[in-house]
């Protein structure tokens, strides 16, 4: 049986055995968990560890590839607020949303709460989903520094509305 986590598999086997439930791995029935043969237990543990290593390696490679793609200015997932995407997925600034972000930041710098900023923004403009909500204002302002770093964005480039380069 392939498991993503060796510890979880050992725990599952122990739980099933304690409750006198039989589990047969169809991919390798000869490695029955009820066979008290130490060699079979060793083989199950080794195969589980190899499966776990494979999953962790794939996860690491995927994270690295996504990070590189973002560093090259391409989107991964949804389009971050303040940006637009061309047909190839290359991000560029959306001037209207960048203006909204600057306004959100200015209001926050003045000491306004997220709720008051949302009320003020609803009088001025709409966001992508329509009405400005407190949690949307909070998320945009909270994620802004992370997005700038994640997409390798130079803050000085933000005001000119052009495509940014890494």
Foldseek 3Di string as FASTA:
>chain_A
DEDQDLVVVVVVLVVCVVVVHWDADPVCRVLTSPPPPPVSVVVVSVRRVVNNVVVVVVVVVVVVVQLVCLQQQFDDPDDQFQWDADPVRHIFGDVVRLVLLVQLVVCVVVVDQLQVSQVVVLVPDAGPVGGRDSVVSVCNVVCVVVSCVSNVHDPVVSVVRGRGGD
